[in-house]
Amino acid sequence: MQSKRSMSQLICDAEELLSKLGDSATPEIRQLRNKVRASMDDMKSAMADSAKTGMDQSQEMTTSVVDYVRANPWVAVAAGTTIAVALIYVAFSRSADSDR
């Protein structure tokens, strides 16, 4: 998440720099500006693709969990009960330790 914010900030900073450069008369600056714009467009596209891939993987995982629970409901109930008992045990053992 932090790297995404850093990338977004970098893009904003680069766009601000490009707008301040304006239409410079020197060919070197124009060429550099075009390279930076192209790189920023590629970066934006890569970030969008990455977000879509993450959403797709999350949706696939959710679908597979739902399918598994539908096919094996008692296993899911047993797993949920085991997790609940473990959490209760941890909570009560910590409260017992703090009472000492």
PDB file of N, CA and C in Angstrom:
ATOM      1  N   MET A   1       0.818  -1.184   0.000  1.00  0.00           N
ATOM      2  CA  MET A   1       0.000   0.000   0.000  1.00  0.00           C
ATOM      3  C   MET A   1       0.865   1.253   0.000  1.00  0.00           C
ATOM      4  N   GLN A   2       1.940   1.217   0.784  1.00  0.00           N
ATOM      5  CA  GLN A   2       2.846   2.362   0.857  1.00  0.00           C
ATOM      6  C   GLN A   2       3.504   2.606  -0.495  1.00  0.00           C
ATOM      7  N   SER A   3       3.891   1.536  -1.187  1.00  0.00           N
ATOM      8  CA  SER A   3       4.550   1.722  -2.479  1.00  0.00           C
ATOM      9  C   SER A   3       3.581   2.293  -3.510  1.00  0.00           C
ATOM     10  N   LYS A   4       2.303   1.935  -3.395  1.00  0.00           N
ATOM     11  CA  LYS A   4       1.307   2.485  -4.316  1.00  0.00           C
ATOM     12  C   LYS A   4       1.165   3.988  -4.093  1.00  0.00           C
ATOM     13  N   ARG A   5       1.161   4.401  -2.815  1.00  0.00           N
ATOM     14  CA  ARG A   5       1.091   5.833  -2.522  1.00  0.00           C
ATOM     15  C   ARG A   5       2.333   6.543  -3.030  1.00  0.00           C
ATOM     16  N   SER A   6       3.488   5.902  -2.870  1.00  0.00           N
ATOM     17  CA  SER A   6       4.740   6.498  -3.345  1.00  0.00           C
ATOM     18  C   SER A   6       4.721   6.653  -4.863  1.00  0.00           C
ATOM     19  N   MET A   7       4.209   5.639  -5.547  1.00  0.00           N
ATOM     20  CA  MET A   7       4.121   5.702  -7.005  1.00  0.00           C
ATOM     21  C   MET A   7       3.154   6.803  -7.425  1.00  0.00           C
ATOM     22  N   SER A   8       2.026   6.901  -6.747  1.00  0.00           N
ATOM     23  CA  SER A   8       1.049   7.943  -7.074  1.00  0.00           C
ATOM     24  C   SER A   8       1.648   9.322  -6.842  1.00  0.00           C
ATOM     25  N   GLN A   9       2.388   9.471  -5.755  1.00  0.00           N
ATOM     26  CA  GLN A   9       3.026  10.755  -5.461  1.00  0.00           C
ATOM     27  C   GLN A   9       4.077  11.084  -6.508  1.00  0.00           C
ATOM     28  N   LEU A  10       4.835  10.075  -6.919  1.00  0.00           N
ATOM     29  CA  LEU A  10       5.846  10.280  -7.960  1.00  0.00           C
ATOM     30  C   LEU A  10       5.191  10.737  -9.256  1.00  0.00           C
ATOM     31  N   ILE A  11       4.077  10.123  -9.616  1.00  0.00           N
ATOM     32  CA  ILE A  11       3.376  10.510 -10.840  1.00  0.00           C
ATOM     33  C   ILE A  11       2.876  11.945 -10.725  1.00  0.00           C
ATOM     34  N   CYS A  12       2.297  12.292  -9.581  1.00  0.00           N
ATOM     35  CA  CYS A  12       1.811  13.669  -9.380  1.00  0.00           C
ATOM     36  C   CYS A  12       2.946  14.676  -9.480  1.00  0.00           C
ATOM     37  N   ASP A  13       4.060  14.346  -8.851  1.00  0.00           N
ATOM     38  CA  ASP A  13       5.217  15.250  -8.891  1.00  0.00           C
ATOM     39  C   ASP A  13       5.740  15.407 -10.315  1.00  0.00           C
ATOM     40  N   ALA A  14       5.812  14.315 -11.041  1.00  0.00           N
ATOM     41  CA  ALA A  14       6.307  14.374 -12.421  1.00  0.00           C
ATOM     42  C   ALA A  14       5.352  15.175 -13.300  1.00  0.00           C
ATOM     43  N   GLU A  15       4.034  14.988 -13.102  1.00  0.00           N
ATOM     44  CA  GLU A  15       3.065  15.752 -13.886  1.00  0.00           C
ATOM     45  C   GLU A  15       3.178  17.245 -13.576  1.00  0.00           C
ATOM     46  N   GLU A  16       3.392  17.572 -12.306  1.00  0.00           N
ATOM     47  CA  GLU A  16       3.562  18.976 -11.927  1.00  0.00           C
ATOM     48  C   GLU A  16       4.814  19.560 -12.575  1.00  0.00           C
ATOM     49  N   LEU A  17       5.888  18.798 -12.553  1.00  0.00           N
ATOM     50  CA  LEU A  17       7.136  19.264 -13.175  1.00  0.00           C
ATOM     51  C   LEU A  17       6.939  19.477 -14.668  1.00  0.00           C
ATOM     52  N   LEU A  18       6.253  18.551 -15.329  1.00  0.00           N
ATOM     53  CA  LEU A  18       6.029  18.695 -16.764  1.00  0.00           C
ATOM     54  C   LEU A  18       5.172  19.916 -17.072  1.00  0.00           C
ATOM     55  N   SER A  19       4.180  20.177 -16.233  1.00  0.00           N
ATOM     56  CA  SER A  19       3.332  21.345 -16.486  1.00  0.00           C
ATOM     57  C   SER A  19       4.116  22.639 -16.282  1.00  0.00           C
ATOM     58  N   LYS A  20       5.048  22.647 -15.337  1.00  0.00           N
ATOM     59  CA  LYS A  20       5.852  23.847 -15.107  1.00  0.00           C
ATOM     60  C   LYS A  20       6.872  24.069 -16.219  1.00  0.00           C
ATOM     61  N   LEU A  21       7.308  22.985 -16.844  1.00  0.00           N
ATOM     62  CA  LEU A  21       8.253  23.137 -17.955  1.00  0.00           C
ATOM     63  C   LEU A  21       7.578  23.799 -19.150  1.00  0.00           C
ATOM     64  N   GLY A  22       6.293  23.523 -19.306  1.00  0.00           N
ATOM     65  CA  GLY A  22       5.561  24.122 -20.417  1.00  0.00           C
ATOM     66  C   GLY A  22       6.101  23.638 -21.749  1.00  0.00           C
ATOM     67  N   ASP A  23       5.911  24.442 -22.755  1.00  0.00           N
ATOM     68  CA  ASP A  23       6.407  24.111 -24.096  1.00  0.00           C
ATOM     69  C   ASP A  23       7.772  24.755 -24.282  1.00  0.00           C
ATOM     70  N   SER A  24       8.769  24.087 -23.759  1.00  0.00           N
ATOM     71  CA  SER A  24      10.128  24.604 -23.856  1.00  0.00           C
ATOM     72  C   SER A  24      10.597  24.551 -25.308  1.00  0.00           C
ATOM     73  N   ALA A  25      11.402  25.503 -25.664  1.00  0.00           N
ATOM     74  CA  ALA A  25      11.861  25.609 -27.052  1.00  0.00           C
ATOM     75  C   ALA A  25      12.989  24.635 -27.373  1.00  0.00           C
ATOM     76  N   THR A  26      13.696  24.161 -26.344  1.00  0.00           N
ATOM     77  CA  THR A  26      14.847  23.307 -26.641  1.00  0.00           C
ATOM     78  C   THR A  26      14.385  21.891 -26.966  1.00  0.00           C
ATOM     79  N   PRO A  27      14.958  21.312 -27.998  1.00  0.00           N
ATOM     80  CA  PRO A  27      14.564  19.960 -28.392  1.00  0.00           C
ATOM     81  C   PRO A  27      14.888  18.910 -27.320  1.00  0.00           C
ATOM     82  N   GLU A  28      15.954  19.123 -26.570  1.00  0.00           N
ATOM     83  CA  GLU A  28      16.327  18.161 -25.536  1.00  0.00           C
ATOM     84  C   GLU A  28      15.248  18.083 -24.453  1.00  0.00           C
ATOM     85  N   ILE A  29      14.742  19.249 -24.049  1.00  0.00           N
ATOM     86  CA  ILE A  29      13.703  19.287 -23.013  1.00  0.00           C
ATOM     87  C   ILE A  29      12.423  18.648 -23.546  1.00  0.00           C
ATOM     88  N   ARG A  30      12.068  18.937 -24.792  1.00  0.00           N
ATOM     89  CA  ARG A  30      10.861  18.332 -25.375  1.00  0.00           C
ATOM     90  C   ARG A  30      10.996  16.814 -25.443  1.00  0.00           C
ATOM     91  N   GLN A  31      12.173  16.340 -25.832  1.00  0.00           N
ATOM     92  CA  GLN A  31      12.402  14.902 -25.923  1.00  0.00           C
ATOM     93  C   GLN A  31      12.325  14.259 -24.535  1.00  0.00           C
ATOM     94  N   LEU A  32      12.928  14.890 -23.552  1.00  0.00           N
ATOM     95  CA  LEU A  32      12.888  14.384 -22.188  1.00  0.00           C
ATOM     96  C   LEU A  32      11.452  14.381 -21.658  1.00  0.00           C
ATOM     97  N   ARG A  33      10.721  15.455 -21.927  1.00  0.00           N
ATOM     98  CA  ARG A  33       9.323  15.539 -21.485  1.00  0.00           C
ATOM     99  C   ARG A  33       8.500  14.414 -22.110  1.00  0.00           C
ATOM    100  N   ASN A  34       8.715  14.136 -23.369  1.00  0.00           N
ATOM    101  CA  ASN A  34       7.988  13.056 -24.039  1.00  0.00           C
ATOM    102  C   ASN A  34       8.330  11.695 -23.440  1.00  0.00           C
ATOM    103  N   LYS A  35       9.610  11.494 -23.107  1.00  0.00           N
ATOM    104  CA  LYS A  35      10.022  10.237 -22.474  1.00  0.00           C
ATOM    105  C   LYS A  35       9.355  10.070 -21.108  1.00  0.00           C
ATOM    106  N   VAL A  36       9.343  11.157 -20.324  1.00  0.00           N
ATOM    107  CA  VAL A  36       8.736  11.099 -18.992  1.00  0.00           C
ATOM    108  C   VAL A  36       7.240  10.825 -19.111  1.00  0.00           C
ATOM    109  N   ARG A  37       6.567  11.493 -20.050  1.00  0.00           N
ATOM    110  CA  ARG A  37       5.131  11.255 -20.243  1.00  0.00           C
ATOM    111  C   ARG A  37       4.864   9.798 -20.623  1.00  0.00           C
ATOM    112  N   ALA A  38       5.676   9.265 -21.523  1.00  0.00           N
ATOM    113  CA  ALA A  38       5.499   7.873 -21.944  1.00  0.00           C
ATOM    114  C   ALA A  38       5.729   6.920 -20.774  1.00  0.00           C
ATOM    115  N   SER A  39       6.743   7.200 -19.975  1.00  0.00           N
ATOM    116  CA  SER A  39       7.018   6.359 -18.804  1.00  0.00           C
ATOM    117  C   SER A  39       5.882   6.432 -17.795  1.00  0.00           C
ATOM    118  N   MET A  40       5.335   7.628 -17.605  1.00  0.00           N
ATOM    119  CA  MET A  40       4.217   7.783 -16.669  1.00  0.00           C
ATOM    120  C   MET A  40       2.986   7.037 -17.166  1.00  0.00           C
ATOM    121  N   ASP A  41       2.725   7.097 -18.458  1.00  0.00           N
ATOM    122  CA  ASP A  41       1.590   6.364 -19.019  1.00  0.00           C
ATOM    123  C   ASP A  41       1.766   4.863 -18.833  1.00  0.00           C
ATOM    124  N   ASP A  42       2.998   4.375 -19.061  1.00  0.00           N
ATOM    125  CA  ASP A  42       3.280   2.953 -18.855  1.00  0.00           C
ATOM    126  C   ASP A  42       3.087   2.568 -17.389  1.00  0.00           C
ATOM    127  N   MET A  43       3.539   3.431 -16.472  1.00  0.00           N
ATOM    128  CA  MET A  43       3.425   3.154 -15.047  1.00  0.00           C
ATOM    129  C   MET A  43       1.955   3.125 -14.613  1.00  0.00           C
ATOM    130  N   LYS A  44       1.169   4.070 -15.107  1.00  0.00           N
ATOM    131  CA  LYS A  44      -0.259   4.098 -14.783  1.00  0.00           C
ATOM    132  C   LYS A  44      -0.945   2.832 -15.281  1.00  0.00           C
ATOM    133  N   SER A  45      -0.593   2.420 -16.477  1.00  0.00           N
ATOM    134  CA  SER A  45      -1.177   1.207 -17.046  1.00  0.00           C
ATOM    135  C   SER A  45      -0.782  -0.024 -16.236  1.00  0.00           C
ATOM    136  N   ALA A  46       0.483  -0.091 -15.837  1.00  0.00           N
ATOM    137  CA  ALA A  46       0.954  -1.226 -15.038  1.00  0.00           C
ATOM    138  C   ALA A  46       0.263  -1.267 -13.677  1.00  0.00           C
ATOM    139  N   MET A  47       0.049  -0.098 -13.067  1.00  0.00           N
ATOM    140  CA  MET A  47      -0.634  -0.048 -11.777  1.00  0.00           C
ATOM    141  C   MET A  47      -2.084  -0.504 -11.920  1.00  0.00           C
ATOM    142  N   ALA A  48      -2.743  -0.091 -12.988  1.00  0.00           N
ATOM    143  CA  ALA A  48      -4.127  -0.500 -13.216  1.00  0.00           C
ATOM    144  C   ALA A  48      -4.203  -2.009 -13.460  1.00  0.00           C
ATOM    145  N   ASP A  49      -3.262  -2.535 -14.239  1.00  0.00           N
ATOM    146  CA  ASP A  49      -3.236  -3.981 -14.495  1.00  0.00           C
ATOM    147  C   ASP A  49      -2.994  -4.760 -13.208  1.00  0.00           C
ATOM    148  N   SER A  50      -2.098  -4.246 -12.371  1.00  0.00           N
ATOM    149  CA  SER A  50      -1.790  -4.905 -11.103  1.00  0.00           C
ATOM    150  C   SER A  50      -3.009  -4.935 -10.189  1.00  0.00           C
ATOM    151  N   ALA A  51      -3.727  -3.831 -10.131  1.00  0.00           N
ATOM    152  CA  ALA A  51      -4.934  -3.765  -9.300  1.00  0.00           C
ATOM    153  C   ALA A  51      -5.982  -4.740  -9.814  1.00  0.00           C
ATOM    154  N   LYS A  52      -6.151  -4.817 -11.126  1.00  0.00           N
ATOM    155  CA  LYS A  52      -7.133  -5.738 -11.708  1.00  0.00           C
ATOM    156  C   LYS A  52      -6.745  -7.186 -11.432  1.00  0.00           C
ATOM    157  N   THR A  53      -5.466  -7.491 -11.556  1.00  0.00           N
ATOM    158  CA  THR A  53      -4.996  -8.851 -11.276  1.00  0.00           C
ATOM    159  C   THR A  53      -5.265  -9.223  -9.827  1.00  0.00           C
ATOM    160  N   GLY A  54      -4.999  -8.307  -8.909  1.00  0.00           N
ATOM    161  CA  GLY A  54      -5.255  -8.552  -7.496  1.00  0.00           C
ATOM    162  C   GLY A  54      -6.727  -8.784  -7.222  1.00  0.00           C
ATOM    163  N   MET A  55      -7.580  -7.997  -7.855  1.00  0.00           N
ATOM    164  CA  MET A  55      -9.024  -8.178  -7.674  1.00  0.00           C
ATOM    165  C   MET A  55      -9.478  -9.516  -8.245  1.00  0.00           C
ATOM    166  N   ASP A  56      -8.952  -9.876  -9.409  1.00  0.00           N
ATOM    167  CA  ASP A  56      -9.311 -11.150 -10.024  1.00  0.00           C
ATOM    168  C   ASP A  56      -8.885 -12.324  -9.147  1.00  0.00           C
ATOM    169  N   GLN A  57      -7.675 -12.267  -8.600  1.00  0.00           N
ATOM    170  CA  GLN A  57      -7.191 -13.346  -7.735  1.00  0.00           C
ATOM    171  C   GLN A  57      -8.018 -13.439  -6.467  1.00  0.00           C
ATOM    172  N   SER A  58      -8.379 -12.302  -5.913  1.00  0.00           N
ATOM    173  CA  SER A  58      -9.208 -12.289  -4.711  1.00  0.00           C
ATOM    174  C   SER A  58     -10.575 -12.892  -4.993  1.00  0.00           C
ATOM    175  N   GLN A  59     -11.151 -12.562  -6.130  1.00  0.00           N
ATOM    176  CA  GLN A  59     -12.459 -13.098  -6.495  1.00  0.00           C
ATOM    177  C   GLN A  59     -12.376 -14.611  -6.743  1.00  0.00           C
ATOM    178  N   GLU A  60     -11.313 -15.073  -7.384  1.00  0.00           N
ATOM    179  CA  GLU A  60     -11.130 -16.505  -7.613  1.00  0.00           C
ATOM    180  C   GLU A  60     -11.000 -17.255  -6.291  1.00  0.00           C
ATOM    181  N   MET A  61     -10.242 -16.691  -5.354  1.00  0.00           N
ATOM    182  CA  MET A  61     -10.063 -17.328  -4.056  1.00  0.00           C
ATOM    183  C   MET A  61     -11.393 -17.388  -3.304  1.00  0.00           C
ATOM    184  N   THR A  62     -12.152 -16.308  -3.341  1.00  0.00           N
ATOM    185  CA  THR A  62     -13.454 -16.299  -2.681  1.00  0.00           C
ATOM    186  C   THR A  62     -14.377 -17.343  -3.282  1.00  0.00           C
ATOM    187  N   THR A  63     -14.387 -17.434  -4.586  1.00  0.00           N
ATOM    188  CA  THR A  63     -15.225 -18.419  -5.260  1.00  0.00           C
ATOM    189  C   THR A  63     -14.822 -19.840  -4.880  1.00  0.00           C
ATOM    190  N   SER A  64     -13.519 -20.106  -4.808  1.00  0.00           N
ATOM    191  CA  SER A  64     -13.078 -21.459  -4.462  1.00  0.00           C
ATOM    192  C   SER A  64     -13.427 -21.797  -3.012  1.00  0.00           C
ATOM    193  N   VAL A  65     -13.337 -20.819  -2.102  1.00  0.00           N
ATOM    194  CA  VAL A  65     -13.713 -21.062  -0.706  1.00  0.00           C
ATOM    195  C   VAL A  65     -15.201 -21.346  -0.609  1.00  0.00           C
ATOM    196  N   VAL A  66     -16.011 -20.566  -1.307  1.00  0.00           N
ATOM    197  CA  VAL A  66     -17.463 -20.780  -1.285  1.00  0.00           C
ATOM    198  C   VAL A  66     -17.801 -22.155  -1.857  1.00  0.00           C
ATOM    199  N   ASP A  67     -17.167 -22.522  -2.951  1.00  0.00           N
ATOM    200  CA  ASP A  67     -17.412 -23.843  -3.539  1.00  0.00           C
ATOM    201  C   ASP A  67     -17.031 -24.959  -2.575  1.00  0.00           C
ATOM    202  N   TYR A  68     -15.897 -24.803  -1.890  1.00  0.00           N
ATOM    203  CA  TYR A  68     -15.450 -25.821  -0.934  1.00  0.00           C
ATOM    204  C   TYR A  68     -16.428 -25.951   0.219  1.00  0.00           C
ATOM    205  N   VAL A  69     -16.882 -24.806   0.743  1.00  0.00           N
ATOM    206  CA  VAL A  69     -17.825 -24.842   1.871  1.00  0.00           C
ATOM    207  C   VAL A  69     -19.146 -25.467   1.444  1.00  0.00           C
ATOM    208  N   ARG A  70     -19.593 -25.188   0.244  1.00  0.00           N
ATOM    209  CA  ARG A  70     -20.836 -25.812  -0.239  1.00  0.00           C
ATOM    210  C   ARG A  70     -20.668 -27.317  -0.401  1.00  0.00           C
ATOM    211  N   ALA A  71     -19.509 -27.751  -0.834  1.00  0.00           N
ATOM    212  CA  ALA A  71     -19.273 -29.186  -1.025  1.00  0.00           C
ATOM    213  C   ALA A  71     -18.994 -29.895   0.301  1.00  0.00           C
ATOM    214  N   ASN A  72     -18.429 -29.189   1.285  1.00  0.00           N
ATOM    215  CA  ASN A  72     -18.050 -29.790   2.562  1.00  0.00           C
ATOM    216  C   ASN A  72     -18.515 -28.920   3.728  1.00  0.00           C
ATOM    217  N   PRO A  73     -19.810 -28.812   3.953  1.00  0.00           N
ATOM    218  CA  PRO A  73     -20.277 -27.877   4.984  1.00  0.00           C
ATOM    219  C   PRO A  73     -19.829 -28.265   6.388  1.00  0.00           C
ATOM    220  N   TRP A  74     -19.757 -29.569   6.685  1.00  0.00           N
ATOM    221  CA  TRP A  74     -19.392 -29.969   8.045  1.00  0.00           C
ATOM    222  C   TRP A  74     -17.921 -29.707   8.347  1.00  0.00           C
ATOM    223  N   VAL A  75     -17.090 -29.784   7.340  1.00  0.00           N
ATOM    224  CA  VAL A  75     -15.683 -29.449   7.523  1.00  0.00           C
ATOM    225  C   VAL A  75     -15.551 -27.957   7.847  1.00  0.00           C
ATOM    226  N   ALA A  76     -16.342 -27.149   7.161  1.00  0.00           N
ATOM    227  CA  ALA A  76     -16.307 -25.708   7.424  1.00  0.00           C
ATOM    228  C   ALA A  76     -16.814 -25.398   8.826  1.00  0.00           C
ATOM    229  N   VAL A  77     -17.864 -26.090   9.266  1.00  0.00           N
ATOM    230  CA  VAL A  77     -18.386 -25.883  10.620  1.00  0.00           C
ATOM    231  C   VAL A  77     -17.336 -26.293  11.654  1.00  0.00           C
ATOM    232  N   ALA A  78     -16.689 -27.434  11.427  1.00  0.00           N
ATOM    233  CA  ALA A  78     -15.658 -27.905  12.357  1.00  0.00           C
ATOM    234  C   ALA A  78     -14.474 -26.926  12.399  1.00  0.00           C
ATOM    235  N   ALA A  79     -14.074 -26.426  11.248  1.00  0.00           N
ATOM    236  CA  ALA A  79     -12.962 -25.478  11.198  1.00  0.00           C
ATOM    237  C   ALA A  79     -13.333 -24.178  11.914  1.00  0.00           C
ATOM    238  N   GLY A  80     -14.530 -23.689  11.684  1.00  0.00           N
ATOM    239  CA  GLY A  80     -14.986 -22.474  12.350  1.00  0.00           C
ATOM    240  C   GLY A  80     -15.058 -22.651  13.858  1.00  0.00           C
ATOM    241  N   THR A  81     -15.551 -23.802  14.296  1.00  0.00           N
ATOM    242  CA  THR A  81     -15.641 -24.082  15.731  1.00  0.00           C
ATOM    243  C   THR A  81     -14.248 -24.162  16.347  1.00  0.00           C
ATOM    244  N   THR A  82     -13.338 -24.822  15.676  1.00  0.00           N
ATOM    245  CA  THR A  82     -11.963 -24.944  16.169  1.00  0.00           C
ATOM    246  C   THR A  82     -11.308 -23.565  16.304  1.00  0.00           C
ATOM    247  N   ILE A  83     -11.502 -22.735  15.313  1.00  0.00           N
ATOM    248  CA  ILE A  83     -10.925 -21.384  15.366  1.00  0.00           C
ATOM    249  C   ILE A  83     -11.543 -20.590  16.513  1.00  0.00           C
ATOM    250  N   ALA A  84     -12.865 -20.703  16.689  1.00  0.00           N
ATOM    251  CA  ALA A  84     -13.538 -19.981  17.776  1.00  0.00           C
ATOM    252  C   ALA A  84     -13.029 -20.448  19.139  1.00  0.00           C
ATOM    253  N   VAL A  85     -12.881 -21.751  19.320  1.00  0.00           N
ATOM    254  CA  VAL A  85     -12.384 -22.284  20.592  1.00  0.00           C
ATOM    255  C   VAL A  85     -10.956 -21.812  20.840  1.00  0.00           C
ATOM    256  N   ALA A  86     -10.133 -21.817  19.809  1.00  0.00           N
ATOM    257  CA  ALA A  86      -8.750 -21.365  19.958  1.00  0.00           C
ATOM    258  C   ALA A  86      -8.698 -19.885  20.349  1.00  0.00           C
ATOM    259  N   LEU A  87      -9.528 -19.067  19.728  1.00  0.00           N
ATOM    260  CA  LEU A  87      -9.551 -17.640  20.067  1.00  0.00           C
ATOM    261  C   LEU A  87     -10.036 -17.414  21.495  1.00  0.00           C
ATOM    262  N   ILE A  88     -11.041 -18.158  21.911  1.00  0.00           N
ATOM    263  CA  ILE A  88     -11.549 -18.044  23.287  1.00  0.00           C
ATOM    264  C   ILE A  88     -10.465 -18.469  24.271  1.00  0.00           C
ATOM    265  N   TYR A  89      -9.775 -19.565  23.967  1.00  0.00           N
ATOM    266  CA  TYR A  89      -8.704 -20.047  24.838  1.00  0.00           C
ATOM    267  C   TYR A  89      -7.614 -18.983  24.994  1.00  0.00           C
ATOM    268  N   VAL A  90      -7.201 -18.395  23.872  1.00  0.00           N
ATOM    269  CA  VAL A  90      -6.158 -17.369  23.911  1.00  0.00           C
ATOM    270  C   VAL A  90      -6.644 -16.152  24.707  1.00  0.00           C
ATOM    271  N   ALA A  91      -7.872 -15.745  24.494  1.00  0.00           N
ATOM    272  CA  ALA A  91      -8.401 -14.575  25.204  1.00  0.00           C
ATOM    273  C   ALA A  91      -8.457 -14.818  26.703  1.00  0.00           C
ATOM    274  N   PHE A  92      -8.948 -15.995  27.115  1.00  0.00           N
ATOM    275  CA  PHE A  92      -9.049 -16.279  28.542  1.00  0.00           C
ATOM    276  C   PHE A  92      -7.679 -16.508  29.175  1.00  0.00           C
ATOM    277  N   SER A  93      -6.752 -17.106  28.440  1.00  0.00           N
ATOM    278  CA  SER A  93      -5.418 -17.319  29.015  1.00  0.00           C
ATOM    279  C   SER A  93      -4.682 -15.990  29.196  1.00  0.00           C
ATOM    280  N   ARG A  94      -4.895 -15.044  28.313  1.00  0.00           N
ATOM    281  CA  ARG A  94      -4.272 -13.727  28.460  1.00  0.00           C
ATOM    282  C   ARG A  94      -4.895 -12.959  29.610  1.00  0.00           C
ATOM    283  N   SER A  95      -6.214 -13.086  29.773  1.00  0.00           N
ATOM    284  CA  SER A  95      -6.847 -12.360  30.874  1.00  0.00           C
ATOM    285  C   SER A  95      -6.452 -12.987  32.211  1.00  0.00           C
ATOM    286  N   ALA A  96      -6.240 -14.308  32.252  1.00  0.00           N
ATOM    287  CA  ALA A  96      -5.793 -14.959  33.461  1.00  0.00           C
ATOM    288  C   ALA A  96      -4.350 -14.547  33.792  1.00  0.00           C
ATOM    289  N   ASP A  97      -3.517 -14.383  32.772  1.00  0.00           N
ATOM    290  CA  ASP A  97      -2.140 -13.938  32.997  1.00  0.00           C
ATOM    291  C   ASP A  97      -2.088 -12.509  33.508  1.00  0.00           C
ATOM    292  N   SER A  98      -2.968 -11.665  33.034  1.00  0.00           N
ATOM    293  CA  SER A  98      -2.960 -10.257  33.458  1.00  0.00           C
ATOM    294  C   SER A  98      -3.526 -10.091  34.878  1.00  0.00           C
ATOM    295  N   ASP A  99      -4.318 -11.064  35.365  1.00  0.00           N
ATOM    296  CA  ASP A  99      -4.874 -10.995  36.715  1.00  0.00           C
ATOM    297  C   ASP A  99      -3.815 -11.320  37.770  1.00  0.00           C
ATOM    298  N   ARG A 100      -2.750 -11.952  37.396  1.00  0.00           N
ATOM    299  CA  ARG A 100      -1.717 -12.347  38.366  1.00  0.00           C
ATOM    300  C   ARG A 100      -0.872 -11.216  38.791  1.00  0.00           C
TER     301      ARG A 100
END
